[in-house]
N, C-alpha and C. Protein backbone atom coordinates (compact mmCIF):
# COMPACT_ATOMS: atom_id res chain seq x y z
N MET A 1 45.78 -7.98 -11.49
CA MET A 1 44.33 -8.27 -11.10
C MET A 1 43.79 -8.70 -12.14
N THR A 2 42.65 -9.65 -12.36
CA THR A 2 41.83 -9.78 -13.15
C THR A 2 40.60 -9.44 -13.81
N ASP A 3 39.91 -9.87 -14.96
CA ASP A 3 38.27 -9.51 -15.09
C ASP A 3 37.55 -10.35 -14.91
N ASP A 4 38.15 -11.47 -14.98
CA ASP A 4 36.98 -13.05 -14.31
C ASP A 4 36.69 -12.39 -12.99
N PRO A 5 35.42 -12.67 -12.94
CA PRO A 5 34.85 -12.23 -11.70
C PRO A 5 34.50 -13.29 -10.84
N GLN A 6 35.15 -14.73 -11.46
CA GLN A 6 34.87 -15.92 -10.41
C GLN A 6 35.95 -15.82 -9.75
N ASN A 7 37.14 -15.08 -10.21
CA ASN A 7 38.70 -15.22 -9.50
C ASN A 7 38.64 -13.92 -8.68
N ALA A 8 37.90 -12.89 -8.80
CA ALA A 8 38.27 -12.10 -8.01
C ALA A 8 38.14 -12.05 -6.67
N PRO A 9 38.84 -11.26 -5.93
CA PRO A 9 38.87 -11.49 -4.25
C PRO A 9 37.53 -11.00 -4.06
N GLU A 10 36.83 -11.32 -2.98
CA GLU A 10 35.69 -11.27 -2.10
C GLU A 10 36.01 -10.42 -1.44
N ASP A 11 34.92 -9.54 -1.57
CA ASP A 11 34.63 -8.13 -0.97
C ASP A 11 33.93 -8.53 1.02
N PRO A 12 34.82 -8.66 1.79
CA PRO A 12 34.19 -9.03 2.99
C PRO A 12 33.17 -8.34 3.25
N ASN A 13 32.84 -6.80 2.99
CA ASN A 13 31.50 -6.38 3.10
C ASN A 13 30.30 -6.22 2.47
N GLY A 14 30.44 -7.13 1.06
CA GLY A 14 29.65 -7.12 0.10
C GLY A 14 29.04 -8.43 0.37
N PRO A 15 28.07 -8.56 -0.62
CA PRO A 15 27.57 -9.81 -0.29
C PRO A 15 28.49 -11.03 -1.41
N PRO A 16 28.48 -12.38 -0.74
CA PRO A 16 28.83 -13.31 -0.95
C PRO A 16 28.82 -13.33 -2.81
N GLU A 17 29.24 -14.34 -3.32
CA GLU A 17 29.32 -14.78 -4.52
C GLU A 17 27.92 -15.66 -5.04
N LEU A 18 27.32 -15.66 -5.46
CA LEU A 18 26.57 -16.71 -5.60
C LEU A 18 27.18 -17.77 -6.76
N THR A 19 26.54 -19.10 -6.61
CA THR A 19 27.13 -20.09 -7.43
C THR A 19 26.30 -20.34 -8.60
N ASP A 20 26.70 -21.28 -9.28
CA ASP A 20 25.40 -21.45 -10.59
C ASP A 20 24.51 -22.19 -10.41
N GLU A 21 24.51 -23.33 -9.17
CA GLU A 21 23.56 -23.91 -8.63
C GLU A 21 22.37 -22.74 -7.71
N GLU A 22 23.04 -21.78 -6.89
CA GLU A 22 22.26 -20.56 -6.36
C GLU A 22 21.39 -19.88 -7.35
N ARG A 23 22.23 -19.38 -8.27
CA ARG A 23 21.48 -18.68 -9.04
C ARG A 23 20.28 -19.32 -10.17
N ALA A 24 20.65 -20.59 -10.40
CA ALA A 24 19.78 -21.46 -11.07
C ALA A 24 18.10 -21.29 -10.18
N MET A 25 18.45 -21.68 -8.88
CA MET A 25 17.30 -21.72 -7.96
C MET A 25 16.68 -20.43 -7.54
N LEU A 26 17.49 -19.45 -7.66
CA LEU A 26 16.75 -17.92 -7.70
C LEU A 26 16.08 -17.84 -8.64
N GLU A 27 16.83 -17.97 -10.13
CA GLU A 27 15.62 -18.00 -11.14
C GLU A 27 14.28 -18.64 -11.13
N ALA A 28 14.35 -20.01 -10.49
CA ALA A 28 13.20 -20.49 -10.60
C ALA A 28 12.43 -20.31 -9.80
N GLN A 29 12.64 -19.50 -8.44
CA GLN A 29 11.77 -18.96 -7.69
C GLN A 29 11.11 -17.56 -8.20
N MET A 30 12.10 -16.98 -8.99
CA MET A 30 11.48 -15.65 -9.56
C MET A 30 10.01 -16.32 -10.37
N LYS A 31 10.41 -17.34 -11.02
CA LYS A 31 9.66 -17.63 -12.62
C LYS A 31 8.35 -18.05 -11.76
N GLU A 32 8.28 -18.77 -10.37
CA GLU A 32 6.91 -19.28 -9.90
C GLU A 32 6.74 -18.39 -9.02
N ILE A 33 6.91 -17.18 -8.26
CA ILE A 33 6.61 -16.45 -7.28
C ILE A 33 5.35 -15.06 -8.32
N ARG A 34 4.31 -15.06 -7.67
CA ARG A 34 3.35 -14.16 -8.24
C ARG A 34 3.23 -12.93 -7.62
N VAL A 35 2.65 -11.96 -8.09
CA VAL A 35 2.76 -10.34 -7.59
C VAL A 35 2.25 -10.47 -6.44
N GLU A 36 0.60 -11.02 -6.69
CA GLU A 36 -0.29 -11.38 -5.09
C GLU A 36 0.07 -11.83 -4.01
N ASP A 37 1.53 -12.56 -4.25
CA ASP A 37 2.06 -13.21 -3.15
C ASP A 37 2.93 -12.40 -2.52
N LEU A 38 3.57 -11.77 -3.19
CA LEU A 38 4.45 -10.64 -2.64
C LEU A 38 3.59 -9.56 -1.95
N LEU A 39 2.28 -9.01 -2.44
CA LEU A 39 1.66 -8.51 -2.30
C LEU A 39 0.84 -8.31 -0.69
N THR A 40 0.52 -9.69 -0.53
CA THR A 40 -0.08 -10.69 0.39
C THR A 40 0.92 -10.35 1.56
N GLN A 41 1.88 -10.60 1.64
CA GLN A 41 3.53 -10.74 2.48
C GLN A 41 3.45 -9.11 3.11
N THR A 42 3.40 -8.01 2.08
CA THR A 42 3.69 -6.90 2.08
C THR A 42 2.55 -6.43 3.03
N VAL A 43 1.36 -6.68 2.81
CA VAL A 43 0.03 -6.08 3.79
C VAL A 43 0.62 -6.74 5.03
N ALA A 44 1.09 -8.28 5.06
CA ALA A 44 1.41 -8.25 6.48
C ALA A 44 2.18 -7.70 7.34
N SER A 45 3.22 -7.29 6.67
CA SER A 45 4.18 -6.65 7.27
C SER A 45 3.83 -5.31 7.47
N VAL A 46 3.22 -4.68 6.86
CA VAL A 46 2.59 -3.10 6.87
C VAL A 46 1.65 -3.25 8.18
N LEU A 47 0.75 -4.14 7.96
CA LEU A 47 -0.15 -4.25 8.99
C LEU A 47 0.34 -4.53 10.25
N ASN A 48 1.30 -5.36 10.47
CA ASN A 48 2.19 -5.36 11.46
C ASN A 48 2.83 -4.30 12.12
N LEU A 49 3.42 -3.55 11.46
CA LEU A 49 4.15 -2.07 11.81
C LEU A 49 3.49 -1.10 12.14
N SER A 50 1.80 -1.00 11.29
CA SER A 50 1.12 -0.29 12.01
C SER A 50 0.49 -0.39 13.30
N ALA A 51 0.26 -1.64 13.66
CA ALA A 51 -0.35 -2.04 15.09
C ALA A 51 0.86 -1.67 16.17
N ARG A 52 2.20 -2.05 15.54
CA ARG A 52 3.38 -1.76 16.36
C ARG A 52 3.10 0.12 16.74
N ARG A 53 3.20 0.85 15.71
CA ARG A 53 3.48 2.15 15.94
C ARG A 53 1.91 2.94 16.48
N ILE A 54 0.87 1.71 16.77
CA ILE A 54 -0.16 2.15 17.45
C ILE A 54 0.19 1.82 19.43
N VAL A 55 0.45 0.48 19.32
CA VAL A 55 0.60 0.29 20.90
C VAL A 55 1.73 0.13 21.21
N LYS A 56 2.92 0.21 20.74
CA LYS A 56 4.39 0.34 21.88
C LYS A 56 4.79 1.73 22.13
N GLU A 57 4.78 1.78 23.64
CA GLU A 57 4.27 3.27 24.01
C GLU A 57 5.57 3.97 23.41
N ASP A 58 6.75 3.44 23.28
CA ASP A 58 8.35 4.23 23.33
C ASP A 58 8.43 4.47 21.39
N GLU A 59 7.09 4.05 20.74
CA GLU A 59 7.10 4.12 19.10
C GLU A 59 5.93 4.54 18.69
N VAL A 60 5.10 4.93 19.45
CA VAL A 60 3.64 5.68 18.94
C VAL A 60 4.00 6.74 17.77
N ASP A 61 3.06 6.34 16.82
CA ASP A 61 3.14 7.22 15.75
C ASP A 61 2.12 6.85 14.49
N LEU A 62 0.80 7.99 14.87
CA LEU A 62 -0.53 7.28 14.80
C LEU A 62 -0.58 8.10 13.33
N ASP A 63 0.52 9.05 12.47
CA ASP A 63 0.18 9.19 11.63
C ASP A 63 0.71 8.32 10.42
N GLN A 64 2.15 7.52 10.93
CA GLN A 64 2.28 6.23 10.46
C GLN A 64 1.18 5.20 10.33
N ALA A 65 0.86 4.94 11.39
CA ALA A 65 -0.40 4.12 11.49
C ALA A 65 -1.33 3.82 10.51
N ARG A 66 -1.68 5.24 10.38
CA ARG A 66 -2.88 5.73 9.53
C ARG A 66 -2.53 5.40 8.40
N ILE A 67 -1.42 5.92 7.78
CA ILE A 67 -0.79 5.69 6.60
C ILE A 67 -0.87 4.03 6.09
N GLY A 68 -0.36 3.31 7.27
CA GLY A 68 -0.41 2.09 6.94
C GLY A 68 -1.55 1.35 6.77
N ILE A 69 -2.63 1.73 7.51
CA ILE A 69 -3.94 1.52 7.64
C ILE A 69 -4.50 1.57 6.28
N GLU A 70 -4.30 2.42 5.75
CA GLU A 70 -4.80 3.19 4.29
C GLU A 70 -4.37 2.38 3.19
N ALA A 71 -2.80 1.87 3.18
CA ALA A 71 -2.27 1.28 2.32
C ALA A 71 -2.77 -0.04 2.31
N VAL A 72 -2.99 -0.49 3.36
CA VAL A 72 -3.50 -2.30 3.61
C VAL A 72 -4.46 -2.15 3.07
N ARG A 73 -5.58 -1.08 3.21
CA ARG A 73 -6.88 -0.83 2.58
C ARG A 73 -6.89 -0.82 0.93
N ALA A 74 -6.10 0.00 0.36
CA ALA A 74 -6.06 0.07 -1.06
C ALA A 74 -5.08 -1.36 -1.27
N ILE A 75 -4.44 -2.20 -0.94
CA ILE A 75 -3.83 -2.85 -1.57
C ILE A 75 -4.62 -4.34 -1.41
N VAL A 76 -5.36 -4.45 -0.43
CA VAL A 76 -6.13 -5.52 -0.23
C VAL A 76 -7.30 -5.59 -1.15
N ALA A 77 -7.57 -4.54 -1.78
CA ALA A 77 -8.38 -4.74 -2.45
C ALA A 77 -8.27 -5.39 -4.03
N LEU A 78 -6.85 -5.34 -4.56
CA LEU A 78 -6.13 -5.87 -5.74
C LEU A 78 -6.15 -7.36 -5.44
N LEU A 79 -6.15 -7.76 -4.03
CA LEU A 79 -5.99 -9.41 -3.81
C LEU A 79 -6.97 -10.32 -3.98
N PRO A 80 -6.75 -11.81 -4.12
CA PRO A 80 -7.73 -12.19 -4.04
C PRO A 80 -9.08 -12.34 -2.99
N ALA A 81 -10.17 -12.43 -3.25
CA ALA A 81 -10.96 -12.08 -2.05
C ALA A 81 -10.50 -13.03 -0.57
N GLU A 82 -10.42 -14.30 -0.92
CA GLU A 82 -10.01 -15.04 0.57
C GLU A 82 -8.75 -14.58 1.18
N VAL A 83 -7.88 -13.71 0.37
CA VAL A 83 -6.88 -13.07 1.17
C VAL A 83 -7.63 -11.55 1.98
N GLY A 84 -8.49 -11.12 1.19
CA GLY A 84 -9.16 -9.91 1.81
C GLY A 84 -10.18 -10.66 2.95
N GLN A 85 -10.64 -11.71 3.13
CA GLN A 85 -11.38 -12.28 3.92
C GLN A 85 -10.50 -12.41 5.28
N ALA A 86 -9.34 -12.83 5.04
CA ALA A 86 -8.35 -13.42 5.87
C ALA A 86 -7.82 -12.51 6.85
N ILE A 87 -7.71 -11.26 6.14
CA ILE A 87 -6.97 -9.78 6.58
C ILE A 87 -8.43 -9.09 7.35
N ALA A 88 -9.77 -8.94 7.10
CA ALA A 88 -10.47 -8.38 7.26
C ALA A 88 -10.54 -7.92 8.84
N GLU A 89 -10.23 -9.23 9.40
CA GLU A 89 -10.44 -9.07 11.48
C GLU A 89 -9.38 -8.47 11.47
N PRO A 90 -7.67 -8.79 11.14
CA PRO A 90 -6.90 -7.85 11.99
C PRO A 90 -6.64 -6.80 11.71
N LEU A 91 -7.18 -6.47 10.18
CA LEU A 91 -7.41 -4.55 9.70
C LEU A 91 -8.50 -4.07 10.85
N SER A 92 -9.43 -4.49 11.12
CA SER A 92 -10.67 -4.40 11.90
C SER A 92 -10.13 -3.88 12.99
N GLN A 93 -9.18 -4.86 14.02
CA GLN A 93 -8.80 -4.35 15.22
C GLN A 93 -7.59 -3.67 15.29
N VAL A 94 -6.69 -3.58 13.97
CA VAL A 94 -5.96 -2.37 14.07
C VAL A 94 -6.67 -1.26 14.19
N GLN A 95 -7.80 -0.75 13.44
CA GLN A 95 -8.71 0.34 12.86
C GLN A 95 -9.13 0.76 14.26
N LEU A 96 -9.65 -0.07 15.21
CA LEU A 96 -10.21 0.05 16.10
C LEU A 96 -8.92 0.77 17.53
N LEU A 97 -8.08 -0.02 17.45
CA LEU A 97 -6.71 0.58 18.10
C LEU A 97 -6.67 1.90 17.83
N TYR A 98 -6.52 2.47 16.44
CA TYR A 98 -5.99 3.46 16.10
C TYR A 98 -7.21 4.36 16.54
N ALA A 99 -8.31 4.00 16.39
CA ALA A 99 -9.51 5.27 16.70
C ALA A 99 -9.09 5.20 18.48
N GLN A 100 -8.85 4.71 19.31
CA GLN A 100 -9.03 4.35 20.65
C GLN A 100 -7.74 5.16 21.01
N LYS A 101 -6.72 5.43 20.30
CA LYS A 101 -5.48 5.50 20.65
C LYS A 101 -5.38 7.21 20.34
N SER A 102 -6.20 7.58 19.07
CA SER A 102 -6.46 8.70 18.30
C SER A 102 -7.40 9.46 19.40
N GLY A 103 -8.38 9.16 20.22
CA GLY A 103 -9.34 9.51 20.87
C GLY A 103 -8.56 9.95 22.21
N GLU A 104 -7.44 9.23 22.85
CA GLU A 104 -6.45 9.72 23.54
C GLU A 104 -5.85 10.92 23.63
N ALA A 105 -5.04 10.83 22.61
CA ALA A 105 -4.05 11.78 21.94
C ALA A 105 -5.04 13.01 21.97
N GLY A 106 -6.12 12.85 21.60
CA GLY A 106 -7.06 14.21 21.50
C GLY A 106 -6.50 15.05 20.40
N GLY A 107 -5.60 14.50 19.44
CA GLY A 107 -5.61 15.76 18.27
C GLY A 107 -4.13 16.50 18.63
N GLU A 108 -3.68 16.38 19.53
CA GLU A 108 -2.38 17.03 20.03
C GLU A 108 -1.49 17.14 19.16
N PRO A 109 -1.23 17.88 18.74
CA PRO A 109 0.13 18.14 17.77
C PRO A 109 1.07 17.29 18.19
N GLY A 110 2.22 16.77 16.74
CA GLY A 110 2.97 15.57 17.21
C GLY A 110 2.62 14.25 17.20
N THR A 111 1.20 14.01 17.80
CA THR A 111 1.01 12.69 18.30
C THR A 111 0.60 12.11 17.38
N GLY A 112 -0.15 12.79 15.85
CA GLY A 112 -0.82 11.99 14.92
C GLY A 112 -2.16 11.96 15.47
N GLY A 113 -3.05 13.22 16.35
CA GLY A 113 -4.05 12.80 16.55
C GLY A 113 -5.24 12.80 15.66
N ALA A 114 -6.42 13.00 15.88
CA ALA A 114 -7.67 12.17 14.84
C ALA A 114 -7.71 12.79 13.53
N SER A 115 -7.73 12.13 12.72
CA SER A 115 -7.76 12.65 11.55
C SER A 115 -8.84 11.79 10.41
N GLY A 116 -9.27 12.08 9.13
CA GLY A 116 -9.97 11.38 9.04
C GLY A 116 -11.73 11.90 8.58
N ALA A 117 -12.20 11.21 7.93
CA ALA A 117 -13.40 12.07 7.77
C ALA A 117 -15.25 11.02 8.75
N GLY A 118 -14.62 10.30 9.60
CA GLY A 118 -15.51 9.87 10.03
C GLY A 118 -15.35 10.28 11.25
N GLY A 119 -14.66 11.40 12.02
CA GLY A 119 -14.61 12.02 12.83
C GLY A 119 -14.63 11.46 14.85
N ASP A 120 -14.08 10.10 14.18
CA ASP A 120 -13.59 9.29 15.12
C ASP A 120 -11.98 8.87 15.13
N GLY A 121 -11.68 9.62 14.02
CA GLY A 121 -9.86 9.46 14.07
C GLY A 121 -10.05 8.25 12.89
N ALA A 122 -10.35 7.02 12.98
CA ALA A 122 -10.09 5.75 12.31
C ALA A 122 -10.52 5.69 10.92
N PRO A 123 -9.37 5.35 10.23
CA PRO A 123 -9.16 5.54 8.70
C PRO A 123 -11.03 5.03 8.39
N GLN A 124 -10.95 5.22 7.59
CA GLN A 124 -12.56 4.87 7.14
C GLN A 124 -12.94 3.24 6.32
N GLY A 125 -13.55 2.48 6.21
CA GLY A 125 -13.49 0.76 5.94
C GLY A 125 -13.62 0.24 6.94
N GLY A 126 -13.23 -1.14 6.66
CA GLY A 126 -13.58 -2.33 7.03
C GLY A 126 -14.65 -2.77 7.26
N ASP A 127 -15.06 -4.17 7.89
CA ASP A 127 -16.03 -5.18 7.40
C ASP A 127 -16.71 -5.49 8.81
N GLY A 128 -18.16 -4.95 8.81
CA GLY A 128 -18.60 -5.10 10.30
C GLY A 128 -18.19 -4.34 11.18
N PRO A 129 -18.93 -4.91 12.02
CA PRO A 129 -18.80 -3.90 13.28
C PRO A 129 -17.24 -4.49 13.82
N GLN A 130 -16.71 -3.79 14.74
CA GLN A 130 -15.09 -4.15 14.85
C GLN A 130 -15.44 -4.73 16.52
N GLN A 131 -14.47 -5.26 16.75
CA GLN A 131 -14.87 -5.91 18.34
C GLN A 131 -13.26 -5.50 18.73
N PRO A 132 -13.11 -5.13 20.10
CA PRO A 132 -11.96 -5.12 20.53
C PRO A 132 -11.08 -6.47 20.82
N PRO A 133 -9.76 -6.59 21.12
CA PRO A 133 -9.22 -7.82 20.98
C PRO A 133 -9.62 -8.70 22.09
N SER A 134 -9.53 -9.37 22.21
CA SER A 134 -9.90 -10.48 23.71
C SER A 134 -8.21 -10.21 24.85
N ALA A 135 -8.55 -10.49 25.86
CA ALA A 135 -7.30 -10.06 26.56
C ALA A 135 -6.12 -11.44 26.56
N GLY A 136 -5.03 -10.91 26.39
CA GLY A 136 -4.05 -11.68 25.55
C GLY A 136 -3.93 -11.78 24.50
N GLN A 137 -4.69 -10.96 23.59
CA GLN A 137 -4.28 -11.35 22.40
C GLN A 137 -4.60 -10.10 21.69
N GLY A 138 -4.06 -9.62 20.15
CA GLY A 138 -4.40 -8.23 19.82
C GLY A 138 -2.92 -8.23 18.67
N PRO A 139 -2.65 -6.81 18.60
CA PRO A 139 -1.85 -6.60 17.58
C PRO A 139 -0.38 -6.82 18.11
N SER A 140 0.03 -7.30 19.40
CA SER A 140 1.43 -7.43 19.58
C SER A 140 1.79 -9.02 19.27
N LYS A 141 0.99 -9.65 18.85
CA LYS A 141 1.19 -11.15 17.96
C LYS A 141 1.08 -10.35 16.52
N LEU A 142 2.02 -11.12 15.85
CA LEU A 142 2.12 -10.69 14.55
C LEU A 142 1.35 -11.43 13.69
N TRP A 143 0.72 -11.17 13.23
CA TRP A 143 -0.27 -11.86 11.88
C TRP A 143 0.38 -12.15 10.64
N THR A 144 0.45 -13.54 10.10
CA THR A 144 0.74 -13.79 8.79
C THR A 144 0.05 -14.28 8.12
N PRO A 145 -0.19 -14.65 6.57
CA PRO A 145 -1.27 -14.90 5.83
C PRO A 145 -1.54 -16.42 5.98
N GLY A 146 -2.88 -16.21 6.25
CA GLY A 146 -3.26 -17.61 6.48
C GLY A 146 -3.48 -18.22 8.21
N GLY A 147 -3.35 -16.98 8.77
CA GLY A 147 -3.50 -17.60 10.06
C GLY A 147 -3.13 -16.43 10.97
N ASN A 148 -3.35 -16.64 12.39
CA ASN A 148 -3.05 -15.49 13.53
C ASN A 148 -1.52 -15.84 14.09
């Protein structure tokens, strides 16, 4: 057996060894990425998962949806204004869906019923009046930064 990792047998269950070129590419990417970029991607993922926890009948978990909505609201405050503006409408739609589903659940135990200071079960916040998604649209479509 050798101590040289270049000549060590590859673990079939582990990640493949990176070449020097691949390591250099990863290093260059890490130098370029900004925390705001990562947070923007995280916001998109959390918002999509929160919507899923509201609308997918076999996955409904309103407590998880509420946590996701609150996390998005907290993170958006740290991002550039244009990102906040792009996220405002999808966030508003998810908040509206949450409020509607919370009202349906009626606060039954285990359903993640209505909570929050607003009395309607919706996490507080959002910009302007909330409009329901039009037919054929809504949180079932994945939102990505810079587009729908």
